[in-house]
Every structure is written in C-alpha cells, then in structure tokens.
C-alpha cells in the first residue's frame, strides 16, 4: 500500500519521491499564482492582463520538455479539439 500511494507514480516518471514532490509542488504553486492573478484580472481587467496565460504556456512548455515523446507532437492548442468555435 505504501509503495502504491507514495512511490509507484514517481518511479514511473523516473523520479524519487522528493524529486516528484518538488516538481509537483512547483507546478501547483505556479497554477495557484496564475489562478489568483486570473481572479484579480476578472475584477480589474487592467491588472495582470497576461499573467495567467503566460503561466499556462510556461507550464505547458515545461511538461512537454519533461516528456520526450510529446516533443514530437505539435502543441495541443493547435490540435482541432482545442480550437475555439467562436469568440466573444
């Protein structure tokens, strides 16, 4: 049970528990900061106009860099299922 809960996934991505905790923690903190910036931007559009989208792009680039098989693919935002059908 311990192995399944704490070690199996980090091992599957080639990391130790502490390495995985550091990477996941950094990703999570980046998402929280981007989310807070997005909420502030929702109330005050002139504040943080690009912060959330810049963080999402940075996280996506880091994830692609960590997964060599992903580097061969075109970016997800270019895939048809990610294309917006309309703009407001």
PDB file of N, CA and C in Angstrom:
ATOM      1  N   UNK A   1       0.823  -1.192   0.000  1.00  0.00           N
ATOM      2  CA  UNK A   1       0.000   0.000   0.000  1.00  0.00           C
ATOM      3  C   UNK A   1       0.873   1.264   0.000  1.00  0.00           C
ATOM      4  N   UNK A   2       1.888   1.288   0.836  1.00  0.00           N
ATOM      5  CA  UNK A   2       2.795   2.443   0.903  1.00  0.00           C
ATOM      6  C   UNK A   2       3.434   2.698  -0.456  1.00  0.00           C
ATOM      7  N   UNK A   3       3.920   1.618  -1.070  1.00  0.00           N
ATOM      8  CA  UNK A   3       4.568   1.752  -2.375  1.00  0.00           C
ATOM      9  C   UNK A   3       3.601   2.330  -3.406  1.00  0.00           C
ATOM     10  N   UNK A   4       2.368   1.839  -3.419  1.00  0.00           N
ATOM     11  CA  UNK A   4       1.380   2.306  -4.388  1.00  0.00           C
ATOM     12  C   UNK A   4       1.027   3.775  -4.163  1.00  0.00           C
ATOM     13  N   UNK A   5       0.899   4.182  -2.916  1.00  0.00           N
ATOM     14  CA  UNK A   5       0.495   5.553  -2.614  1.00  0.00           C
ATOM     15  C   UNK A   5       1.608   6.588  -2.796  1.00  0.00           C
ATOM     16  N   UNK A   6       2.836   6.198  -2.475  1.00  0.00           N
ATOM     17  CA  UNK A   6       3.913   7.189  -2.439  1.00  0.00           C
ATOM     18  C   UNK A   6       5.041   7.000  -3.447  1.00  0.00           C
ATOM     19  N   UNK A   7       5.290   5.809  -3.909  1.00  0.00           N
ATOM     20  CA  UNK A   7       6.483   5.575  -4.713  1.00  0.00           C
ATOM     21  C   UNK A   7       6.219   5.149  -6.156  1.00  0.00           C
ATOM     22  N   UNK A   8       5.106   4.513  -6.401  1.00  0.00           N
ATOM     23  CA  UNK A   8       4.832   3.951  -7.718  1.00  0.00           C
ATOM     24  C   UNK A   8       4.815   5.012  -8.822  1.00  0.00           C
ATOM     25  N   UNK A   9       4.025   6.052  -8.647  1.00  0.00           N
ATOM     26  CA  UNK A   9       3.942   7.077  -9.687  1.00  0.00           C
ATOM     27  C   UNK A   9       5.268   7.820  -9.884  1.00  0.00           C
ATOM     28  N   UNK A  10       5.912   8.315  -8.833  1.00  0.00           N
ATOM     29  CA  UNK A  10       7.207   8.977  -9.059  1.00  0.00           C
ATOM     30  C   UNK A  10       8.199   8.079  -9.808  1.00  0.00           C
ATOM     31  N   UNK A  11       8.237   6.802  -9.448  1.00  0.00           N
ATOM     32  CA  UNK A  11       9.128   5.869 -10.125  1.00  0.00           C
ATOM     33  C   UNK A  11       8.756   5.746 -11.609  1.00  0.00           C
ATOM     34  N   UNK A  12       7.457   5.757 -11.909  1.00  0.00           N
ATOM     35  CA  UNK A  12       7.014   5.599 -13.298  1.00  0.00           C
ATOM     36  C   UNK A  12       7.427   6.771 -14.185  1.00  0.00           C
ATOM     37  N   UNK A  13       7.699   7.924 -13.588  1.00  0.00           N
ATOM     38  CA  UNK A  13       8.154   9.075 -14.361  1.00  0.00           C
ATOM     39  C   UNK A  13       9.642   9.355 -14.151  1.00  0.00           C
ATOM     40  N   UNK A  14      10.341   8.383 -13.555  1.00  0.00           N
ATOM     41  CA  UNK A  14      11.787   8.481 -13.421  1.00  0.00           C
ATOM     42  C   UNK A  14      12.265   9.429 -12.333  1.00  0.00           C
ATOM     43  N   UNK A  15      11.499   9.564 -11.252  1.00  0.00           N
ATOM     44  CA  UNK A  15      11.870  10.465 -10.175  1.00  0.00           C
ATOM     45  C   UNK A  15      11.777   9.749  -8.831  1.00  0.00           C
ATOM     46  N   UNK A  16      12.485  10.297  -7.857  1.00  0.00           N
ATOM     47  CA  UNK A  16      12.312   9.839  -6.489  1.00  0.00           C
ATOM     48  C   UNK A  16      11.080  10.547  -5.928  1.00  0.00           C
ATOM     49  N   UNK A  17      10.650  10.122  -4.746  1.00  0.00           N
ATOM     50  CA  UNK A  17       9.504  10.768  -4.114  1.00  0.00           C
ATOM     51  C   UNK A  17       9.778  12.259  -3.907  1.00  0.00           C
ATOM     52  N   UNK A  18      10.949  12.600  -3.372  1.00  0.00           N
ATOM     53  CA  UNK A  18      11.255  14.007  -3.086  1.00  0.00           C
ATOM     54  C   UNK A  18      11.398  14.835  -4.359  1.00  0.00           C
ATOM     55  N   UNK A  19      11.994  14.262  -5.400  1.00  0.00           N
ATOM     56  CA  UNK A  19      12.085  14.985  -6.676  1.00  0.00           C
ATOM     57  C   UNK A  19      10.690  15.263  -7.225  1.00  0.00           C
ATOM     58  N   UNK A  20       9.834  14.252  -7.177  1.00  0.00           N
ATOM     59  CA  UNK A  20       8.482  14.415  -7.700  1.00  0.00           C
ATOM     60  C   UNK A  20       7.693  15.425  -6.868  1.00  0.00           C
ATOM     61  N   UNK A  21       7.863  15.386  -5.555  1.00  0.00           N
ATOM     62  CA  UNK A  21       7.181  16.343  -4.688  1.00  0.00           C
ATOM     63  C   UNK A  21       7.603  17.773  -5.015  1.00  0.00           C
ATOM     64  N   UNK A  22       8.890  17.976  -5.277  1.00  0.00           N
ATOM     65  CA  UNK A  22       9.386  19.315  -5.602  1.00  0.00           C
ATOM     66  C   UNK A  22       8.805  19.804  -6.933  1.00  0.00           C
ATOM     67  N   UNK A  23       8.822  18.943  -7.942  1.00  0.00           N
ATOM     68  CA  UNK A  23       8.306  19.326  -9.262  1.00  0.00           C
ATOM     69  C   UNK A  23       6.799  19.580  -9.180  1.00  0.00           C
ATOM     70  N   UNK A  24       6.055  18.661  -8.570  1.00  0.00           N
ATOM     71  CA  UNK A  24       4.608  18.820  -8.460  1.00  0.00           C
ATOM     72  C   UNK A  24       4.253  20.045  -7.620  1.00  0.00           C
ATOM     73  N   UNK A  25       5.013  20.282  -6.555  1.00  0.00           N
ATOM     74  CA  UNK A  25       4.779  21.460  -5.726  1.00  0.00           C
ATOM     75  C   UNK A  25       4.991  22.750  -6.489  1.00  0.00           C
ATOM     76  N   UNK A  26       6.044  22.785  -7.303  1.00  0.00           N
ATOM     77  CA  UNK A  26       6.331  23.976  -8.104  1.00  0.00           C
ATOM     78  C   UNK A  26       5.222  24.197  -9.139  1.00  0.00           C
ATOM     79  N   UNK A  27       4.795  23.111  -9.794  1.00  0.00           N
ATOM     80  CA  UNK A  27       3.703  23.232 -10.758  1.00  0.00           C
ATOM     81  C   UNK A  27       2.441  23.742 -10.063  1.00  0.00           C
ATOM     82  N   UNK A  28       2.123  23.161  -8.908  1.00  0.00           N
ATOM     83  CA  UNK A  28       0.928  23.565  -8.173  1.00  0.00           C
ATOM     84  C   UNK A  28       0.975  25.019  -7.746  1.00  0.00           C
ATOM     85  N   UNK A  29       2.106  25.454  -7.230  1.00  0.00           N
ATOM     86  CA  UNK A  29       2.242  26.848  -6.807  1.00  0.00           C
ATOM     87  C   UNK A  29       2.091  27.790  -7.998  1.00  0.00           C
ATOM     88  N   UNK A  30       2.658  27.412  -9.138  1.00  0.00           N
ATOM     89  CA  UNK A  30       2.530  28.229 -10.351  1.00  0.00           C
ATOM     90  C   UNK A  30       1.067  28.338 -10.769  1.00  0.00           C
ATOM     91  N   UNK A  31       0.335  27.222 -10.668  1.00  0.00           N
ATOM     92  CA  UNK A  31      -1.089  27.254 -11.023  1.00  0.00           C
ATOM     93  C   UNK A  31      -1.889  28.111 -10.048  1.00  0.00           C
ATOM     94  N   UNK A  32      -1.571  28.033  -8.765  1.00  0.00           N
ATOM     95  CA  UNK A  32      -2.285  28.837  -7.772  1.00  0.00           C
ATOM     96  C   UNK A  32      -2.042  30.323  -8.030  1.00  0.00           C
ATOM     97  N   UNK A  33      -0.794  30.705  -8.256  1.00  0.00           N
ATOM     98  CA  UNK A  33      -0.476  32.111  -8.521  1.00  0.00           C
ATOM     99  C   UNK A  33      -1.183  32.574  -9.797  1.00  0.00           C
ATOM    100  N   UNK A  34      -1.154  31.745 -10.835  1.00  0.00           N
ATOM    101  CA  UNK A  34      -1.853  32.097 -12.073  1.00  0.00           C
ATOM    102  C   UNK A  34      -3.351  32.219 -11.859  1.00  0.00           C
ATOM    103  N   UNK A  35      -3.927  31.335 -11.051  1.00  0.00           N
ATOM    104  CA  UNK A  35      -5.354  31.389 -10.763  1.00  0.00           C
ATOM    105  C   UNK A  35      -5.749  32.631  -9.993  1.00  0.00           C
ATOM    106  N   UNK A  36      -4.946  32.981  -9.003  1.00  0.00           N
ATOM    107  CA  UNK A  36      -5.220  34.202  -8.238  1.00  0.00           C
ATOM    108  C   UNK A  36      -5.110  35.423  -9.147  1.00  0.00           C
ATOM    109  N   UNK A  37      -4.085  35.452  -9.984  1.00  0.00           N
ATOM    110  CA  UNK A  37      -3.931  36.562 -10.927  1.00  0.00           C
ATOM    111  C   UNK A  37      -5.134  36.643 -11.862  1.00  0.00           C
ATOM    112  N   UNK A  38      -5.637  35.490 -12.282  1.00  0.00           N
ATOM    113  CA  UNK A  38      -6.795  35.448 -13.164  1.00  0.00           C
ATOM    114  C   UNK A  38      -8.043  35.989 -12.461  1.00  0.00           C
ATOM    115  N   UNK A  39      -8.222  35.625 -11.199  1.00  0.00           N
ATOM    116  CA  UNK A  39      -9.369  36.129 -10.440  1.00  0.00           C
ATOM    117  C   UNK A  39      -9.282  37.649 -10.249  1.00  0.00           C
ATOM    118  N   UNK A  40      -8.102  38.146  -9.962  1.00  0.00           N
ATOM    119  CA  UNK A  40      -7.921  39.601  -9.825  1.00  0.00           C
ATOM    120  C   UNK A  40      -8.174  40.281 -11.162  1.00  0.00           C
ATOM    121  N   UNK A  41      -7.670  39.670 -12.237  1.00  0.00           N
ATOM    122  CA  UNK A  41      -7.881  40.208 -13.586  1.00  0.00           C
ATOM    123  C   UNK A  41      -9.373  40.253 -13.935  1.00  0.00           C
ATOM    124  N   UNK A  42     -10.131  39.266 -13.454  1.00  0.00           N
ATOM    125  CA  UNK A  42     -11.569  39.255 -13.725  1.00  0.00           C
ATOM    126  C   UNK A  42     -12.254  40.492 -13.142  1.00  0.00           C
ATOM    127  N   UNK A  43     -11.799  40.924 -11.980  1.00  0.00           N
ATOM    128  CA  UNK A  43     -12.390  42.100 -11.332  1.00  0.00           C
ATOM    129  C   UNK A  43     -11.814  43.412 -11.861  1.00  0.00           C
ATOM    130  N   UNK A  44     -10.520  43.400 -12.150  1.00  0.00           N
ATOM    131  CA  UNK A  44      -9.816  44.597 -12.614  1.00  0.00           C
ATOM    132  C   UNK A  44      -9.058  44.246 -13.887  1.00  0.00           C
ATOM    133  N   UNK A  45      -9.697  44.341 -15.044  1.00  0.00           N
ATOM    134  CA  UNK A  45      -9.096  43.882 -16.299  1.00  0.00           C
ATOM    135  C   UNK A  45      -7.732  44.483 -16.644  1.00  0.00           C
ATOM    136  N   UNK A  46      -7.430  45.658 -16.124  1.00  0.00           N
ATOM    137  CA  UNK A  46      -6.141  46.276 -16.444  1.00  0.00           C
ATOM    138  C   UNK A  46      -4.988  45.651 -15.660  1.00  0.00           C
ATOM    139  N   UNK A  47      -5.319  44.887 -14.616  1.00  0.00           N
ATOM    140  CA  UNK A  47      -4.286  44.273 -13.780  1.00  0.00           C
ATOM    141  C   UNK A  47      -4.060  42.832 -14.233  1.00  0.00           C
ATOM    142  N   UNK A  48      -2.824  42.434 -14.362  1.00  0.00           N
ATOM    143  CA  UNK A  48      -2.432  41.069 -14.761  1.00  0.00           C
ATOM    144  C   UNK A  48      -3.067  40.622 -16.081  1.00  0.00           C
ATOM    145  N   UNK A  49      -2.966  41.432 -17.142  1.00  0.00           N
ATOM    146  CA  UNK A  49      -3.632  41.054 -18.396  1.00  0.00           C
ATOM    147  C   UNK A  49      -3.089  39.773 -19.045  1.00  0.00           C
ATOM    148  N   UNK A  50      -1.833  39.407 -18.761  1.00  0.00           N
ATOM    149  CA  UNK A  50      -1.249  38.225 -19.408  1.00  0.00           C
ATOM    150  C   UNK A  50      -0.685  37.207 -18.418  1.00  0.00           C
ATOM    151  N   UNK A  51      -0.749  37.498 -17.149  1.00  0.00           N
ATOM    152  CA  UNK A  51      -0.087  36.660 -16.153  1.00  0.00           C
ATOM    153  C   UNK A  51      -0.570  35.218 -16.189  1.00  0.00           C
ATOM    154  N   UNK A  52      -1.866  34.998 -16.159  1.00  0.00           N
ATOM    155  CA  UNK A  52      -2.393  33.627 -16.133  1.00  0.00           C
ATOM    156  C   UNK A  52      -2.041  32.882 -17.415  1.00  0.00           C
ATOM    157  N   UNK A  53      -2.253  33.498 -18.568  1.00  0.00           N
ATOM    158  CA  UNK A  53      -1.952  32.804 -19.830  1.00  0.00           C
ATOM    159  C   UNK A  53      -0.448  32.551 -19.973  1.00  0.00           C
ATOM    160  N   UNK A  54       0.376  33.474 -19.507  1.00  0.00           N
ATOM    161  CA  UNK A  54       1.826  33.248 -19.560  1.00  0.00           C
ATOM    162  C   UNK A  54       2.228  32.063 -18.681  1.00  0.00           C
ATOM    163  N   UNK A  55       1.612  31.930 -17.533  1.00  0.00           N
ATOM    164  CA  UNK A  55       1.920  30.805 -16.636  1.00  0.00           C
ATOM    165  C   UNK A  55       1.470  29.487 -17.252  1.00  0.00           C
ATOM    166  N   UNK A  56       0.299  29.468 -17.863  1.00  0.00           N
ATOM    167  CA  UNK A  56      -0.183  28.245 -18.508  1.00  0.00           C
ATOM    168  C   UNK A  56       0.771  27.837 -19.629  1.00  0.00           C
ATOM    169  N   UNK A  57       1.194  28.787 -20.441  1.00  0.00           N
ATOM    170  CA  UNK A  57       2.124  28.489 -21.541  1.00  0.00           C
ATOM    171  C   UNK A  57       3.453  27.977 -21.002  1.00  0.00           C
ATOM    172  N   UNK A  58       3.946  28.580 -19.920  1.00  0.00           N
ATOM    173  CA  UNK A  58       5.209  28.146 -19.331  1.00  0.00           C
ATOM    174  C   UNK A  58       5.086  26.723 -18.775  1.00  0.00           C
ATOM    175  N   UNK A  59       3.983  26.441 -18.089  1.00  0.00           N
ATOM    176  CA  UNK A  59       3.771  25.088 -17.560  1.00  0.00           C
ATOM    177  C   UNK A  59       3.664  24.066 -18.686  1.00  0.00           C
ATOM    178  N   UNK A  60       2.971  24.425 -19.748  1.00  0.00           N
ATOM    179  CA  UNK A  60       2.836  23.512 -20.883  1.00  0.00           C
ATOM    180  C   UNK A  60       4.217  23.213 -21.488  1.00  0.00           C
ATOM    181  N   UNK A  61       5.022  24.249 -21.664  1.00  0.00           N
ATOM    182  CA  UNK A  61       6.365  24.055 -22.223  1.00  0.00           C
ATOM    183  C   UNK A  61       7.219  23.165 -21.318  1.00  0.00           C
ATOM    184  N   UNK A  62       7.097  23.355 -20.014  1.00  0.00           N
ATOM    185  CA  UNK A  62       7.854  22.514 -19.073  1.00  0.00           C
ATOM    186  C   UNK A  62       7.384  21.069 -19.129  1.00  0.00           C
ATOM    187  N   UNK A  63       6.083  20.864 -19.252  1.00  0.00           N
ATOM    188  CA  UNK A  63       5.567  19.495 -19.327  1.00  0.00           C
ATOM    189  C   UNK A  63       6.025  18.804 -20.608  1.00  0.00           C
ATOM    190  N   UNK A  64       6.003  19.516 -21.717  1.00  0.00           N
ATOM    191  CA  UNK A  64       6.457  18.942 -22.985  1.00  0.00           C
ATOM    192  C   UNK A  64       7.940  18.593 -22.888  1.00  0.00           C
ATOM    193  N   UNK A  65       8.731  19.470 -22.289  1.00  0.00           N
ATOM    194  CA  UNK A  65      10.166  19.227 -22.156  1.00  0.00           C
ATOM    195  C   UNK A  65      10.452  18.005 -21.289  1.00  0.00           C
ATOM    196  N   UNK A  66       9.583  17.725 -20.331  1.00  0.00           N
ATOM    197  CA  UNK A  66       9.779  16.580 -19.435  1.00  0.00           C
ATOM    198  C   UNK A  66       9.370  15.260 -20.080  1.00  0.00           C
ATOM    199  N   UNK A  67       8.623  15.317 -21.168  1.00  0.00           N
ATOM    200  CA  UNK A  67       8.127  14.104 -21.814  1.00  0.00           C
ATOM    201  C   UNK A  67       8.630  14.076 -23.254  1.00  0.00           C
ATOM    202  N   UNK A  68       9.749  13.400 -23.509  1.00  0.00           N
ATOM    203  CA  UNK A  68      10.354  13.411 -24.839  1.00  0.00           C
ATOM    204  C   UNK A  68       9.391  13.024 -25.962  1.00  0.00           C
ATOM    205  N   UNK A  69       8.472  12.101 -25.725  1.00  0.00           N
ATOM    206  CA  UNK A  69       7.527  11.704 -26.771  1.00  0.00           C
ATOM    207  C   UNK A  69       6.617  12.867 -27.160  1.00  0.00           C
ATOM    208  N   UNK A  70       6.356  13.767 -26.219  1.00  0.00           N
ATOM    209  CA  UNK A  70       5.493  14.916 -26.505  1.00  0.00           C
ATOM    210  C   UNK A  70       6.188  15.933 -27.404  1.00  0.00           C
ATOM    211  N   UNK A  71       7.493  15.981 -27.374  1.00  0.00           N
ATOM    212  CA  UNK A  71       8.228  16.972 -28.162  1.00  0.00           C
ATOM    213  C   UNK A  71       8.022  16.774 -29.657  1.00  0.00           C
ATOM    214  N   UNK A  72       7.670  15.560 -30.068  1.00  0.00           N
ATOM    215  CA  UNK A  72       7.466  15.268 -31.483  1.00  0.00           C
ATOM    216  C   UNK A  72       6.108  15.756 -31.979  1.00  0.00           C
ATOM    217  N   UNK A  73       5.173  15.988 -31.068  1.00  0.00           N
ATOM    218  CA  UNK A  73       3.828  16.411 -31.432  1.00  0.00           C
ATOM    219  C   UNK A  73       3.754  17.924 -31.578  1.00  0.00           C
ATOM    220  N   UNK A  74       2.766  18.370 -32.321  1.00  0.00           N
ATOM    221  CA  UNK A  74       2.529  19.813 -32.372  1.00  0.00           C
ATOM    222  C   UNK A  74       1.851  20.232 -31.073  1.00  0.00           C
ATOM    223  N   UNK A  75       1.939  21.515 -30.712  1.00  0.00           N
ATOM    224  CA  UNK A  75       1.346  21.971 -29.456  1.00  0.00           C
ATOM    225  C   UNK A  75      -0.149  21.662 -29.395  1.00  0.00           C
ATOM    226  N   UNK A  76      -0.636  21.339 -28.200  1.00  0.00           N
ATOM    227  CA  UNK A  76      -2.045  20.969 -28.016  1.00  0.00           C
ATOM    228  C   UNK A  76      -2.983  22.051 -28.518  1.00  0.00           C
ATOM    229  N   UNK A  77      -2.619  23.320 -28.332  1.00  0.00           N
ATOM    230  CA  UNK A  77      -3.528  24.377 -28.748  1.00  0.00           C
ATOM    231  C   UNK A  77      -3.704  24.423 -30.257  1.00  0.00           C
ATOM    232  N   UNK A  78      -2.859  23.697 -31.005  1.00  0.00           N
ATOM    233  CA  UNK A  78      -3.021  23.619 -32.454  1.00  0.00           C
ATOM    234  C   UNK A  78      -3.856  22.413 -32.875  1.00  0.00           C
ATOM    235  N   UNK A  79      -4.157  21.538 -31.949  1.00  0.00           N
ATOM    236  CA  UNK A  79      -4.980  20.369 -32.251  1.00  0.00           C
ATOM    237  C   UNK A  79      -6.422  20.822 -32.466  1.00  0.00           C
ATOM    238  N   UNK A  80      -7.149  20.190 -33.392  1.00  0.00           N
ATOM    239  CA  UNK A  80      -8.526  20.618 -33.693  1.00  0.00           C
ATOM    240  C   UNK A  80      -9.450  20.661 -32.478  1.00  0.00           C
ATOM    241  N   UNK A  81      -9.319  19.703 -31.559  1.00  0.00           N
ATOM    242  CA  UNK A  81     -10.234  19.688 -30.419  1.00  0.00           C
ATOM    243  C   UNK A  81     -10.002  20.853 -29.461  1.00  0.00           C
ATOM    244  N   UNK A  82      -8.874  21.550 -29.598  1.00  0.00           N
ATOM    245  CA  UNK A  82      -8.594  22.693 -28.736  1.00  0.00           C
ATOM    246  C   UNK A  82      -8.909  24.024 -29.417  1.00  0.00           C
ATOM    247  N   UNK A  83      -9.348  23.989 -30.655  1.00  0.00           N
ATOM    248  CA  UNK A  83      -9.662  25.218 -31.373  1.00  0.00           C
ATOM    249  C   UNK A  83     -11.009  25.754 -30.905  1.00  0.00           C
ATOM    250  N   UNK A  84     -11.074  27.043 -30.635  1.00  0.00           N
ATOM    251  CA  UNK A  84     -12.339  27.620 -30.210  1.00  0.00           C
ATOM    252  C   UNK A  84     -13.254  27.757 -31.418  1.00  0.00           C
ATOM    253  N   UNK A  85     -14.528  27.532 -31.181  1.00  0.00           N
ATOM    254  CA  UNK A  85     -15.513  27.585 -32.253  1.00  0.00           C
ATOM    255  C   UNK A  85     -16.042  28.998 -32.463  1.00  0.00           C
ATOM    256  N   UNK A  86     -15.900  29.829 -31.465  1.00  0.00           N
ATOM    257  CA  UNK A  86     -16.391  31.201 -31.572  1.00  0.00           C
ATOM    258  C   UNK A  86     -15.618  32.062 -30.597  1.00  0.00           C
ATOM    259  N   UNK A  87     -15.665  33.361 -30.832  1.00  0.00           N
ATOM    260  CA  UNK A  87     -15.057  34.321 -29.921  1.00  0.00           C
ATOM    261  C   UNK A  87     -16.107  35.330 -29.507  1.00  0.00           C
ATOM    262  N   UNK A  88     -15.990  35.796 -28.300  1.00  0.00           N
ATOM    263  CA  UNK A  88     -16.930  36.813 -27.818  1.00  0.00           C
ATOM    264  C   UNK A  88     -16.319  38.174 -28.017  1.00  0.00           C
TER     265      UNK A  88
END
